[in-house]
Amino acid sequence: ILLNALYFKGNWTTPFGVGGTTSMNFKPMDGDSVKVDMMHMHSR
């Protein structure tokens, strides 16, 4: 058995603020829109 294991963990250089996350609609490829936790950041 030949195996490769790959792992990556990185923090955003500019993280999203937790307070900026809100519930919003996401339209999948099929089916109706669903509510998701949408992260938000404005790069002023």
Full PDB file with SEQRES, HELIX, SHEET, SSBOND, CRYST1, ORIGX, SCALE, CONECT and MASTER records, all heavy atoms in Angstrom:
SEQRES   1 A   44  ILE LEU LEU ASN ALA LEU TYR PHE LYS GLY ASN TRP THR          
SEQRES   2 A   44  THR PRO PHE GLY VAL GLY GLY THR THR SER MET ASN PHE          
SEQRES   3 A   44  LYS PRO MET ASP GLY ASP SER VAL LYS VAL ASP MET MET          
SEQRES   4 A   44  HIS MET HIS SER ARG                                          
HELIX    1 AA1 VAL A   18  GLY A   20  5                                   3    
SHEET    1 AA1 2 THR A  22  PHE A  26  0                                        
SHEET    2 AA1 2 VAL A  34  MET A  38 -1                                        
CRYST1    1.000    1.000    1.000  90.00  90.00  90.00 P 1           1          
ORIGX1      1.000000  0.000000  0.000000        0.00000                         
ORIGX2      0.000000  1.000000  0.000000        0.00000                         
ORIGX3      0.000000  0.000000  1.000000        0.00000                         
SCALE1      1.000000  0.000000  0.000000        0.00000                         
SCALE2      0.000000  1.000000  0.000000        0.00000                         
SCALE3      0.000000  0.000000  1.000000        0.00000                         
ATOM      1  N   ILE A   1       0.856  -1.186   0.000  1.00  0.00           N  
ATOM      2  CA  ILE A   1       0.000   0.000   0.000  1.00  0.00           C  
ATOM      3  C   ILE A   1       0.892   1.236   0.000  1.00  0.00           C  
ATOM      4  O   ILE A   1       1.757   1.393   0.875  1.00  0.00           O  
ATOM      5  CB  ILE A   1      -0.940   0.016   1.220  1.00  0.00           C  
ATOM      6  CG1 ILE A   1      -1.850  -1.216   1.214  1.00  0.00           C  
ATOM      7  CG2 ILE A   1      -1.783   1.295   1.227  1.00  0.00           C  
ATOM      8  CD1 ILE A   1      -2.696  -1.361   2.465  1.00  0.00           C  
ATOM      9  N   LEU A   2       0.692   2.115  -1.006  1.00  0.00           N  
ATOM     10  CA  LEU A   2       1.390   3.397  -1.066  1.00  0.00           C  
ATOM     11  C   LEU A   2       0.456   4.466  -0.526  1.00  0.00           C  
ATOM     12  O   LEU A   2      -0.683   4.580  -0.979  1.00  0.00           O  
ATOM     13  CB  LEU A   2       1.766   3.745  -2.513  1.00  0.00           C  
ATOM     14  CG  LEU A   2       2.413   2.667  -3.378  1.00  0.00           C  
ATOM     15  CD1 LEU A   2       2.670   3.200  -4.779  1.00  0.00           C  
ATOM     16  CD2 LEU A   2       3.699   2.193  -2.750  1.00  0.00           C  
ATOM     17  N   LEU A   3       0.926   5.266   0.413  1.00  0.00           N  
ATOM     18  CA  LEU A   3       0.066   6.270   1.032  1.00  0.00           C  
ATOM     19  C   LEU A   3       0.704   7.649   1.006  1.00  0.00           C  
ATOM     20  O   LEU A   3       1.909   7.789   1.243  1.00  0.00           O  
ATOM     21  CB  LEU A   3      -0.212   5.903   2.496  1.00  0.00           C  
ATOM     22  CG  LEU A   3      -1.273   4.850   2.794  1.00  0.00           C  
ATOM     23  CD1 LEU A   3      -1.359   4.631   4.299  1.00  0.00           C  
ATOM     24  CD2 LEU A   3      -2.622   5.263   2.247  1.00  0.00           C  
ATOM     25  N   ASN A   4      -0.106   8.643   0.717  1.00  0.00           N  
ATOM     26  CA  ASN A   4       0.269  10.034   0.956  1.00  0.00           C  
ATOM     27  C   ASN A   4      -0.755  10.654   1.879  1.00  0.00           C  
ATOM     28  O   ASN A   4      -1.966  10.479   1.694  1.00  0.00           O  
ATOM     29  CB  ASN A   4       0.323  10.857  -0.335  1.00  0.00           C  
ATOM     30  CG  ASN A   4       0.484  12.354  -0.037  1.00  0.00           C  
ATOM     31  OD1 ASN A   4      -0.500  13.084   0.096  1.00  0.00           O  
ATOM     32  ND2 ASN A   4       1.726  12.794   0.118  1.00  0.00           N  
ATOM     33  N   ALA A   5      -0.280  11.359   2.883  1.00  0.00           N  
ATOM     34  CA  ALA A   5      -1.147  12.129   3.775  1.00  0.00           C  
ATOM     35  C   ALA A   5      -0.765  13.594   3.659  1.00  0.00           C  
ATOM     36  O   ALA A   5       0.424  13.935   3.696  1.00  0.00           O  
ATOM     37  CB  ALA A   5      -1.004  11.653   5.217  1.00  0.00           C  
ATOM     38  N   LEU A   6      -1.761  14.453   3.495  1.00  0.00           N  
ATOM     39  CA  LEU A   6      -1.520  15.883   3.311  1.00  0.00           C  
ATOM     40  C   LEU A   6      -2.411  16.656   4.272  1.00  0.00           C  
ATOM     41  O   LEU A   6      -3.616  16.379   4.373  1.00  0.00           O  
ATOM     42  CB  LEU A   6      -1.839  16.281   1.864  1.00  0.00           C  
ATOM     43  CG  LEU A   6      -1.491  17.702   1.424  1.00  0.00           C  
ATOM     44  CD1 LEU A   6       0.011  17.929   1.473  1.00  0.00           C  
ATOM     45  CD2 LEU A   6      -1.998  17.959   0.009  1.00  0.00           C  
ATOM     46  N   TYR A   7      -1.814  17.609   4.976  1.00  0.00           N  
ATOM     47  CA  TYR A   7      -2.562  18.406   5.957  1.00  0.00           C  
ATOM     48  C   TYR A   7      -2.177  19.865   5.824  1.00  0.00           C  
ATOM     49  O   TYR A   7      -0.990  20.201   5.670  1.00  0.00           O  
ATOM     50  CB  TYR A   7      -2.261  17.919   7.374  1.00  0.00           C  
ATOM     51  CG  TYR A   7      -2.934  18.736   8.456  1.00  0.00           C  
ATOM     52  CD1 TYR A   7      -4.297  18.588   8.733  1.00  0.00           C  
ATOM     53  CD2 TYR A   7      -2.210  19.664   9.202  1.00  0.00           C  
ATOM     54  CE1 TYR A   7      -4.913  19.340   9.720  1.00  0.00           C  
ATOM     55  CE2 TYR A   7      -2.824  20.418  10.195  1.00  0.00           C  
ATOM     56  CZ  TYR A   7      -4.178  20.259  10.441  1.00  0.00           C  
ATOM     57  OH  TYR A   7      -4.800  21.005  11.428  1.00  0.00           O  
ATOM     58  N   PHE A   8      -3.188  20.731   5.877  1.00  0.00           N  
ATOM     59  CA  PHE A   8      -2.955  22.172   5.805  1.00  0.00           C  
ATOM     60  C   PHE A   8      -3.874  22.881   6.789  1.00  0.00           C  
ATOM     61  O   PHE A   8      -5.064  22.561   6.888  1.00  0.00           O  
ATOM     62  CB  PHE A   8      -3.237  22.702   4.390  1.00  0.00           C  
ATOM     63  CG  PHE A   8      -3.155  24.208   4.282  1.00  0.00           C  
ATOM     64  CD1 PHE A   8      -1.938  24.843   4.114  1.00  0.00           C  
ATOM     65  CD2 PHE A   8      -4.300  24.990   4.364  1.00  0.00           C  
ATOM     66  CE1 PHE A   8      -1.852  26.228   4.026  1.00  0.00           C  
ATOM     67  CE2 PHE A   8      -4.234  26.371   4.290  1.00  0.00           C  
ATOM     68  CZ  PHE A   8      -3.006  26.990   4.114  1.00  0.00           C  
ATOM     69  N   LYS A   9      -3.313  23.808   7.530  1.00  0.00           N  
ATOM     70  CA  LYS A   9      -4.119  24.661   8.399  1.00  0.00           C  
ATOM     71  C   LYS A   9      -3.534  26.062   8.369  1.00  0.00           C  
ATOM     72  O   LYS A   9      -2.348  26.264   8.615  1.00  0.00           O  
ATOM     73  CB  LYS A   9      -4.145  24.147   9.842  1.00  0.00           C  
ATOM     74  CG  LYS A   9      -5.080  24.966  10.733  1.00  0.00           C  
ATOM     75  CD  LYS A   9      -5.189  24.370  12.129  1.00  0.00           C  
ATOM     76  CE  LYS A   9      -6.189  25.153  12.975  1.00  0.00           C  
ATOM     77  NZ  LYS A   9      -6.318  24.568  14.341  1.00  0.00           N  
ATOM     78  N   GLY A  10      -4.366  27.016   8.014  1.00  0.00           N  
ATOM     79  CA  GLY A  10      -3.909  28.393   7.944  1.00  0.00           C  
ATOM     80  C   GLY A  10      -4.982  29.352   8.408  1.00  0.00           C  
ATOM     81  O   GLY A  10      -6.166  29.164   8.105  1.00  0.00           O  
ATOM     82  N   ASN A  11      -4.568  30.350   9.152  1.00  0.00           N  
ATOM     83  CA  ASN A  11      -5.476  31.440   9.523  1.00  0.00           C  
ATOM     84  C   ASN A  11      -5.416  32.507   8.446  1.00  0.00           C  
ATOM     85  O   ASN A  11      -4.346  32.774   7.868  1.00  0.00           O  
ATOM     86  CB  ASN A  11      -5.081  32.038  10.875  1.00  0.00           C  
ATOM     87  CG  ASN A  11      -5.352  31.085  12.023  1.00  0.00           C  
ATOM     88  OD1 ASN A  11      -6.220  30.221  11.939  1.00  0.00           O  
ATOM     89  ND2 ASN A  11      -4.601  31.223  13.099  1.00  0.00           N  
ATOM     90  N   TRP A  12      -6.569  33.110   8.153  1.00  0.00           N  
ATOM     91  CA  TRP A  12      -6.583  34.202   7.188  1.00  0.00           C  
ATOM     92  C   TRP A  12      -5.607  35.293   7.617  1.00  0.00           C  
ATOM     93  O   TRP A  12      -5.506  35.618   8.805  1.00  0.00           O  
ATOM     94  CB  TRP A  12      -7.972  34.819   7.065  1.00  0.00           C  
ATOM     95  CG  TRP A  12      -9.096  33.897   6.735  1.00  0.00           C  
ATOM     96  CD1 TRP A  12     -10.222  33.682   7.477  1.00  0.00           C  
ATOM     97  CD2 TRP A  12      -9.237  33.070   5.564  1.00  0.00           C  
ATOM     98  NE1 TRP A  12     -11.043  32.780   6.853  1.00  0.00           N  
ATOM     99  CE2 TRP A  12     -10.463  32.383   5.672  1.00  0.00           C  
ATOM    100  CE3 TRP A  12      -8.431  32.847   4.441  1.00  0.00           C  
ATOM    101  CZ2 TRP A  12     -10.908  31.495   4.706  1.00  0.00           C  
ATOM    102  CZ3 TRP A  12      -8.869  31.954   3.478  1.00  0.00           C  
ATOM    103  CH2 TRP A  12     -10.100  31.292   3.607  1.00  0.00           C  
ATOM    104  N   THR A  13      -4.896  35.880   6.675  1.00  0.00           N  
ATOM    105  CA  THR A  13      -4.053  37.026   6.991  1.00  0.00           C  
ATOM    106  C   THR A  13      -4.902  38.143   7.576  1.00  0.00           C  
ATOM    107  O   THR A  13      -4.501  38.820   8.526  1.00  0.00           O  
ATOM    108  CB  THR A  13      -3.337  37.521   5.719  1.00  0.00           C  
ATOM    109  OG1 THR A  13      -2.608  36.428   5.134  1.00  0.00           O  
ATOM    110  CG2 THR A  13      -2.378  38.643   6.040  1.00  0.00           C  
ATOM    111  N   THR A  14      -6.084  38.324   7.013  1.00  0.00           N  
ATOM    112  CA  THR A  14      -7.079  39.257   7.562  1.00  0.00           C  
ATOM    113  C   THR A  14      -8.319  38.456   7.910  1.00  0.00           C  
ATOM    114  O   THR A  14      -9.098  38.085   7.019  1.00  0.00           O  
ATOM    115  CB  THR A  14      -7.441  40.347   6.538  1.00  0.00           C  
ATOM    116  OG1 THR A  14      -6.252  41.016   6.098  1.00  0.00           O  
ATOM    117  CG2 THR A  14      -8.399  41.359   7.151  1.00  0.00           C  
ATOM    118  N   PRO A  15      -8.524  38.123   9.186  1.00  0.00           N  
ATOM    119  CA  PRO A  15      -9.656  37.264   9.558  1.00  0.00           C  
ATOM    120  C   PRO A  15     -10.987  37.984   9.440  1.00  0.00           C  
ATOM    121  O   PRO A  15     -11.061  39.221   9.503  1.00  0.00           O  
ATOM    122  CB  PRO A  15      -9.353  36.896  11.011  1.00  0.00           C  
ATOM    123  CG  PRO A  15      -8.499  38.014  11.516  1.00  0.00           C  
ATOM    124  CD  PRO A  15      -7.683  38.473  10.343  1.00  0.00           C  
ATOM    125  N   PHE A  16     -12.039  37.203   9.252  1.00  0.00           N  
ATOM    126  CA  PHE A  16     -13.385  37.732   9.287  1.00  0.00           C  
ATOM    127  C   PHE A  16     -13.786  37.935  10.754  1.00  0.00           C  
ATOM    128  O   PHE A  16     -13.485  37.104  11.603  1.00  0.00           O  
ATOM    129  CB  PHE A  16     -14.373  36.754   8.648  1.00  0.00           C  
ATOM    130  CG  PHE A  16     -14.226  36.606   7.168  1.00  0.00           C  
ATOM    131  CD1 PHE A  16     -13.233  35.807   6.623  1.00  0.00           C  
ATOM    132  CD2 PHE A  16     -15.087  37.267   6.302  1.00  0.00           C  
ATOM    133  CE1 PHE A  16     -13.096  35.659   5.250  1.00  0.00           C  
ATOM    134  CE2 PHE A  16     -14.963  37.131   4.930  1.00  0.00           C  
ATOM    135  CZ  PHE A  16     -13.964  36.330   4.408  1.00  0.00           C  
ATOM    136  N   GLY A  17     -14.462  39.017  11.024  1.00  0.00           N  
ATOM    137  CA  GLY A  17     -14.963  39.221  12.373  1.00  0.00           C  
ATOM    138  C   GLY A  17     -16.155  38.310  12.636  1.00  0.00           C  
ATOM    139  O   GLY A  17     -17.057  38.196  11.800  1.00  0.00           O  
ATOM    140  N   VAL A  18     -16.150  37.628  13.792  1.00  0.00           N  
ATOM    141  CA  VAL A  18     -17.251  36.719  14.123  1.00  0.00           C  
ATOM    142  C   VAL A  18     -18.572  37.477  14.146  1.00  0.00           C  
ATOM    143  O   VAL A  18     -19.614  36.966  13.730  1.00  0.00           O  
ATOM    144  CB  VAL A  18     -16.984  36.040  15.487  1.00  0.00           C  
ATOM    145  CG1 VAL A  18     -18.181  35.176  15.896  1.00  0.00           C  
ATOM    146  CG2 VAL A  18     -15.724  35.201  15.417  1.00  0.00           C  
ATOM    147  N   GLY A  19     -18.540  38.734  14.602  1.00  0.00           N  
ATOM    148  CA  GLY A  19     -19.766  39.530  14.644  1.00  0.00           C  
ATOM    149  C   GLY A  19     -20.325  39.855  13.289  1.00  0.00           C  
ATOM    150  O   GLY A  19     -21.479  40.253  13.151  1.00  0.00           O  
ATOM    151  N   GLY A  20     -19.496  39.677  12.228  1.00  0.00           N  
ATOM    152  CA  GLY A  20     -19.965  39.974  10.887  1.00  0.00           C  
ATOM    153  C   GLY A  20     -20.662  38.813  10.213  1.00  0.00           C  
ATOM    154  O   GLY A  20     -21.193  38.958   9.108  1.00  0.00           O  
ATOM    155  N   THR A  21     -20.662  37.641  10.855  1.00  0.00           N  
ATOM    156  CA  THR A  21     -21.319  36.470  10.281  1.00  0.00           C  
ATOM    157  C   THR A  21     -22.812  36.536  10.540  1.00  0.00           C  
ATOM    158  O   THR A  21     -23.259  36.777  11.662  1.00  0.00           O  
ATOM    159  CB  THR A  21     -20.740  35.177  10.884  1.00  0.00           C  
ATOM    160  OG1 THR A  21     -19.346  35.117  10.570  1.00  0.00           O  
ATOM    161  CG2 THR A  21     -21.427  33.950  10.325  1.00  0.00           C  
ATOM    162  N   THR A  22     -23.587  36.319   9.479  1.00  0.00           N  
ATOM    163  CA  THR A  22     -25.033  36.397   9.603  1.00  0.00           C  
ATOM    164  C   THR A  22     -25.690  35.331   8.754  1.00  0.00           C  
ATOM    165  O   THR A  22     -25.076  34.781   7.832  1.00  0.00           O  
ATOM    166  CB  THR A  22     -25.529  37.795   9.163  1.00  0.00           C  
ATOM    167  OG1 THR A  22     -26.930  37.904   9.414  1.00  0.00           O  
ATOM    168  CG2 THR A  22     -25.257  38.029   7.697  1.00  0.00           C  
ATOM    169  N   SER A  23     -26.931  35.016   9.055  1.00  0.00           N  
ATOM    170  CA  SER A  23     -27.669  34.015   8.292  1.00  0.00           C  
ATOM    171  C   SER A  23     -28.185  34.642   7.002  1.00  0.00           C  
ATOM    172  O   SER A  23     -28.868  35.664   7.021  1.00  0.00           O  
ATOM    173  CB  SER A  23     -28.835  33.480   9.126  1.00  0.00           C  
ATOM    174  OG  SER A  23     -29.568  32.525   8.393  1.00  0.00           O  
ATOM    175  N   MET A  24     -27.842  34.015   5.865  1.00  0.00           N  
ATOM    176  CA  MET A  24     -28.266  34.517   4.568  1.00  0.00           C  
ATOM    177  C   MET A  24     -28.646  33.352   3.668  1.00  0.00           C  
ATOM    178  O   MET A  24     -28.318  32.194   3.954  1.00  0.00           O  
ATOM    179  CB  MET A  24     -27.150  35.339   3.906  1.00  0.00           C  
ATOM    180  CG  MET A  24     -26.762  36.597   4.664  1.00  0.00           C  
ATOM    181  SD  MET A  24     -25.460  37.560   3.812  1.00  0.00           S  
ATOM    182  CE  MET A  24     -26.343  38.091   2.350  1.00  0.00           C  
ATOM    183  N   ASN A  25     -29.328  33.651   2.574  1.00  0.00           N  
ATOM    184  CA  ASN A  25     -29.725  32.612   1.629  1.00  0.00           C  
ATOM    185  C   ASN A  25     -28.551  32.222   0.731  1.00  0.00           C  
ATOM    186  O   ASN A  25     -27.764  33.064   0.303  1.00  0.00           O  
ATOM    187  CB  ASN A  25     -30.885  33.094   0.754  1.00  0.00           C  
ATOM    188  CG  ASN A  25     -32.193  33.118   1.495  1.00  0.00           C  
ATOM    189  OD1 ASN A  25     -32.423  32.320   2.408  1.00  0.00           O  
ATOM    190  ND2 ASN A  25     -33.076  34.036   1.134  1.00  0.00           N  
ATOM    191  N   PHE A  26     -28.453  30.922   0.451  1.00  0.00           N  
ATOM    192  CA  PHE A  26     -27.497  30.379  -0.511  1.00  0.00           C  
ATOM    193  C   PHE A  26     -28.281  29.533  -1.491  1.00  0.00           C  
ATOM    194  O   PHE A  26     -29.057  28.668  -1.095  1.00  0.00           O  
ATOM    195  CB  PHE A  26     -26.439  29.525   0.207  1.00  0.00           C  
ATOM    196  CG  PHE A  26     -25.390  28.953  -0.719  1.00  0.00           C  
ATOM    197  CD1 PHE A  26     -24.202  29.627  -0.942  1.00  0.00           C  
ATOM    198  CD2 PHE A  26     -25.594  27.732  -1.360  1.00  0.00           C  
ATOM    199  CE1 PHE A  26     -23.230  29.110  -1.786  1.00  0.00           C  
ATOM    200  CE2 PHE A  26     -24.632  27.210  -2.209  1.00  0.00           C  
ATOM    201  CZ  PHE A  26     -23.449  27.897  -2.422  1.00  0.00           C  
ATOM    202  N   LYS A  27     -28.097  29.788  -2.787  1.00  0.00           N  
ATOM    203  CA  LYS A  27     -28.835  29.059  -3.827  1.00  0.00           C  
ATOM    204  C   LYS A  27     -27.970  27.921  -4.352  1.00  0.00           C  
ATOM    205  O   LYS A  27     -27.007  28.137  -5.073  1.00  0.00           O  
ATOM    206  CB  LYS A  27     -29.206  30.002  -4.968  1.00  0.00           C  
ATOM    207  CG  LYS A  27     -30.010  29.323  -6.079  1.00  0.00           C  
ATOM    208  CD  LYS A  27     -31.372  28.845  -5.572  1.00  0.00           C  
ATOM    209  CE  LYS A  27     -32.250  28.350  -6.712  1.00  0.00           C  
ATOM    210  NZ  LYS A  27     -31.771  27.051  -7.272  1.00  0.00           N  
ATOM    211  N   PRO A  28     -28.269  26.679  -3.986  1.00  0.00           N  
ATOM    212  CA  PRO A  28     -27.476  25.549  -4.476  1.00  0.00           C  
ATOM    213  C   PRO A  28     -27.775  25.260  -5.945  1.00  0.00           C  
ATOM    214  O   PRO A  28     -28.647  25.884  -6.556  1.00  0.00           O  
ATOM    215  CB  PRO A  28     -27.924  24.394  -3.572  1.00  0.00           C  
ATOM    216  CG  PRO A  28     -29.320  24.756  -3.186  1.00  0.00           C  
ATOM    217  CD  PRO A  28     -29.357  26.258  -3.100  1.00  0.00           C  
ATOM    218  N   MET A  29     -27.073  24.284  -6.498  1.00  0.00           N  
ATOM    219  CA  MET A  29     -27.272  23.944  -7.906  1.00  0.00           C  
ATOM    220  C   MET A  29     -28.669  23.420  -8.173  1.00  0.00           C  
ATOM    221  O   MET A  29     -29.235  23.641  -9.236  1.00  0.00           O  
ATOM    222  CB  MET A  29     -26.238  22.892  -8.334  1.00  0.00           C  
ATOM    223  CG  MET A  29     -24.828  23.402  -8.338  1.00  0.00           C  
ATOM    224  SD  MET A  29     -23.709  22.122  -8.931  1.00  0.00           S  
ATOM    225  CE  MET A  29     -22.142  22.862  -8.498  1.00  0.00           C  
ATOM    226  N   ASP A  30     -29.178  22.671  -7.220  1.00  0.00           N  
ATOM    227  CA  ASP A  30     -30.540  22.170  -7.369  1.00  0.00           C  
ATOM    228  C   ASP A  30     -31.274  22.364  -6.044  1.00  0.00           C  
ATOM    229  O   ASP A  30     -30.684  22.394  -4.982  1.00  0.00           O  
ATOM    230  CB  ASP A  30     -30.545  20.685  -7.778  1.00  0.00           C  
ATOM    231  CG  ASP A  30     -29.587  19.851  -6.950  1.00  0.00           C  
ATOM    232  OD1 ASP A  30     -29.487  20.091  -5.732  1.00  0.00           O  
ATOM    233  OD2 ASP A  30     -28.927  18.967  -7.523  1.00  0.00           O  
ATOM    234  N   GLY A  31     -32.568  22.526  -6.127  1.00  0.00           N  
ATOM    235  CA  GLY A  31     -33.356  22.738  -4.926  1.00  0.00           C  
ATOM    236  C   GLY A  31     -33.525  24.205  -4.595  1.00  0.00           C  
ATOM    237  O   GLY A  31     -33.019  25.097  -5.287  1.00  0.00           O  
ATOM    238  N   ASP A  32     -34.273  24.443  -3.518  1.00  0.00           N  
ATOM    239  CA  ASP A  32     -34.562  25.805  -3.094  1.00  0.00           C  
ATOM    240  C   ASP A  32     -33.401  26.394  -2.300  1.00  0.00           C  
ATOM    241  O   ASP A  32     -32.516  25.689  -1.827  1.00  0.00           O  
ATOM    242  CB  ASP A  32     -35.830  25.816  -2.239  1.00  0.00           C  
ATOM    243  CG  ASP A  32     -37.049  25.326  -3.011  1.00  0.00           C  
ATOM    244  OD1 ASP A  32     -37.094  25.571  -4.232  1.00  0.00           O  
ATOM    245  OD2 ASP A  32     -37.930  24.690  -2.396  1.00  0.00           O  
ATOM    246  N   SER A  33     -33.433  27.719  -2.145  1.00  0.00           N  
ATOM    247  CA  SER A  33     -32.420  28.405  -1.348  1.00  0.00           C  
ATOM    248  C   SER A  33     -32.457  27.913   0.092  1.00  0.00           C  
ATOM    249  O   SER A  33     -33.519  27.559   0.627  1.00  0.00           O  
ATOM    250  CB  SER A  33     -32.660  29.913  -1.376  1.00  0.00           C  
ATOM    251  OG  SER A  33     -32.482  30.425  -2.684  1.00  0.00           O  
ATOM    252  N   VAL A  34     -31.264  27.872   0.691  1.00  0.00           N  
ATOM    253  CA  VAL A  34     -31.152  27.432   2.081  1.00  0.00           C  
ATOM    254  C   VAL A  34     -30.422  28.503   2.874  1.00  0.00           C  
ATOM    255  O   VAL A  34     -29.637  29.290   2.327  1.00  0.00           O  
ATOM    256  CB  VAL A  34     -30.395  26.096   2.186  1.00  0.00           C  
ATOM    257  CG1 VAL A  34     -31.178  24.972   1.527  1.00  0.00           C  
ATOM    258  CG2 VAL A  34     -29.000  26.208   1.564  1.00  0.00           C  
ATOM    259  N   LYS A  35     -30.690  28.549   4.184  1.00  0.00           N  
ATOM    260  CA  LYS A  35     -30.017  29.494   5.055  1.00  0.00           C  
ATOM    261  C   LYS A  35     -28.627  28.963   5.422  1.00  0.00           C  
ATOM    262  O   LYS A  35     -28.477  27.800   5.780  1.00  0.00           O  
ATOM    263  CB  LYS A  35     -30.837  29.716   6.328  1.00  0.00           C  
ATOM    264  CG  LYS A  35     -32.137  30.476   6.117  1.00  0.00           C  
ATOM    265  CD  LYS A  35     -31.876  31.947   5.776  1.00  0.00           C  
ATOM    266  CE  LYS A  35     -33.175  32.727   5.698  1.00  0.00           C  
ATOM    267  NZ  LYS A  35     -32.928  34.163   5.356  1.00  0.00           N  
ATOM    268  N   VAL A  36     -27.615  29.822   5.314  1.00  0.00           N  
ATOM    269  CA  VAL A  36     -26.248  29.460   5.692  1.00  0.00           C  
ATOM    270  C   VAL A  36     -25.659  30.583   6.533  1.00  0.00           C  
ATOM    271  O   VAL A  36     -26.139  31.721   6.514  1.00  0.00           O  
ATOM    272  CB  VAL A  36     -25.357  29.218   4.452  1.00  0.00           C  
ATOM    273  CG1 VAL A  36     -25.903  28.087   3.608  1.00  0.00           C  
ATOM    274  CG2 VAL A  36     -25.204  30.492   3.622  1.00  0.00           C  
ATOM    275  N   ASP A  37     -24.598  30.254   7.273  1.00  0.00           N  
ATOM    276  CA  ASP A  37     -23.846  31.277   7.997  1.00  0.00           C  
ATOM    277  C   ASP A  37     -22.892  31.942   7.013  1.00  0.00           C  
ATOM    278  O   ASP A  37     -21.924  31.331   6.549  1.00  0.00           O  
ATOM    279  CB  ASP A  37     -23.061  30.655   9.154  1.00  0.00           C  
ATOM    280  CG  ASP A  37     -23.952  30.192  10.288  1.00  0.00           C  
ATOM    281  OD1 ASP A  37     -25.047  30.767  10.442  1.00  0.00           O  
ATOM    282  OD2 ASP A  37     -23.563  29.265  11.018  1.00  0.00           O  
ATOM    283  N   MET A  38     -23.172  33.190   6.676  1.00  0.00           N  
ATOM    284  CA  MET A  38     -22.388  33.914   5.675  1.00  0.00           C  
ATOM    285  C   MET A  38     -21.433  34.878   6.374  1.00  0.00           C  
ATOM    286  O   MET A  38     -21.857  35.766   7.130  1.00  0.00           O  
ATOM    287  CB  MET A  38     -23.304  34.679   4.732  1.00  0.00           C  
ATOM    288  CG  MET A  38     -22.600  35.295   3.536  1.00  0.00           C  
ATOM    289  SD  MET A  38     -22.157  34.073   2.271  1.00  0.00           S  
ATOM    290  CE  MET A  38     -23.757  33.737   1.513  1.00  0.00           C  
ATOM    291  N   MET A  39     -20.133  34.676   6.159  1.00  0.00           N  
ATOM    292  CA  MET A  39     -19.129  35.586   6.707  1.00  0.00           C  
ATOM    293  C   MET A  39     -19.060  36.843   5.840  1.00  0.00           C  
ATOM    294  O   MET A  39     -19.211  36.768   4.626  1.00  0.00           O  
ATOM    295  CB  MET A  39     -17.760  34.892   6.746  1.00  0.00           C  
ATOM    296  CG  MET A  39     -17.754  33.588   7.530  1.00  0.00           C  
ATOM    297  SD  MET A  39     -16.120  32.797   7.598  1.00  0.00           S  
ATOM    298  CE  MET A  39     -15.869  32.342   5.874  1.00  0.00           C  
ATOM    299  N   HIS A  40     -18.793  37.979   6.477  1.00  0.00           N  
ATOM    300  CA  HIS A  40     -18.786  39.241   5.743  1.00  0.00           C  
ATOM    301  C   HIS A  40     -17.590  40.080   6.169  1.00  0.00           C  
ATOM    302  O   HIS A  40     -17.251  40.140   7.347  1.00  0.00           O  
ATOM    303  CB  HIS A  40     -20.075  40.033   6.001  1.00  0.00           C  
ATOM    304  CG  HIS A  40     -20.092  41.375   5.332  1.00  0.00           C  
ATOM    305  ND1 HIS A  40     -20.439  42.534   5.993  1.00  0.00           N  
ATOM    306  CD2 HIS A  40     -19.771  41.753   4.055  1.00  0.00           C  
ATOM    307  CE1 HIS A  40     -20.361  43.557   5.160  1.00  0.00           C  
ATOM    308  NE2 HIS A  40     -19.963  43.119   3.982  1.00  0.00           N  
ATOM    309  N   MET A  41     -16.954  40.717   5.196  1.00  0.00           N  
ATOM    310  CA  MET A  41     -15.866  41.650   5.474  1.00  0.00           C  
ATOM    311  C   MET A  41     -15.812  42.677   4.354  1.00  0.00           C  
ATOM    312  O   MET A  41     -15.867  42.320   3.177  1.00  0.00           O  
ATOM    313  CB  MET A  41     -14.524  40.912   5.586  1.00  0.00           C  
ATOM    314  CG  MET A  41     -13.321  41.835   5.744  1.00  0.00           C  
ATOM    315  SD  MET A  41     -11.771  40.976   6.166  1.00  0.00           S  
ATOM    316  CE  MET A  41     -11.841  39.547   5.118  1.00  0.00           C  
ATOM    317  N   HIS A  42     -15.689  43.953   4.734  1.00  0.00           N  
ATOM    318  CA  HIS A  42     -15.504  45.009   3.747  1.00  0.00           C  
ATOM    319  C   HIS A  42     -14.084  45.527   3.881  1.00  0.00           C  
ATOM    320  O   HIS A  42     -13.683  46.000   4.936  1.00  0.00           O  
ATOM    321  CB  HIS A  42     -16.501  46.155   3.942  1.00  0.00           C  
ATOM    322  CG  HIS A  42     -16.563  47.071   2.751  1.00  0.00           C  
ATOM    323  ND1 HIS A  42     -15.514  47.891   2.385  1.00  0.00           N  
ATOM    324  CD2 HIS A  42     -17.538  47.279   1.820  1.00  0.00           C  
ATOM    325  CE1 HIS A  42     -15.840  48.567   1.298  1.00  0.00           C  
ATOM    326  NE2 HIS A  42     -17.060  48.225   0.938  1.00  0.00           N  
ATOM    327  N   SER A  43     -13.314  45.431   2.812  1.00  0.00           N  
ATOM    328  CA  SER A  43     -11.892  45.813   2.852  1.00  0.00           C  
ATOM    329  C   SER A  43     -11.729  47.309   2.620  1.00  0.00           C  
ATOM    330  O   SER A  43     -11.246  47.754   1.587  1.00  0.00           O  
ATOM    331  CB  SER A  43     -11.098  45.025   1.821  1.00  0.00           C  
ATOM    332  OG  SER A  43     -11.665  45.182   0.534  1.00  0.00           O  
ATOM    333  N   ARG A  44     -12.178  48.098   3.593  1.00  0.00           N  
ATOM    334  CA  ARG A  44     -12.082  49.549   3.432  1.00  0.00           C  
ATOM    335  C   ARG A  44     -10.629  50.026   3.476  1.00  0.00           C  
ATOM    336  O   ARG A  44     -10.251  50.992   2.823  1.00  0.00           O  
ATOM    337  CB  ARG A  44     -12.887  50.248   4.529  1.00  0.00           C  
ATOM    338  CG  ARG A  44     -14.395  50.039   4.400  1.00  0.00           C  
ATOM    339  CD  ARG A  44     -15.161  50.825   5.466  1.00  0.00           C  
ATOM    340  NE  ARG A  44     -16.591  50.700   5.267  1.00  0.00           N  
ATOM    341  CZ  ARG A  44     -17.325  49.718   5.783  1.00  0.00           C  
ATOM    342  NH1 ARG A  44     -16.741  48.787   6.522  1.00  0.00           N  
ATOM    343  NH2 ARG A  44     -18.627  49.678   5.567  1.00  0.00           N  
TER     344      ARG A  44                                                      
MASTER        0    0    0    1    2    0    0    6  343    1    0    4          
END                                                                             
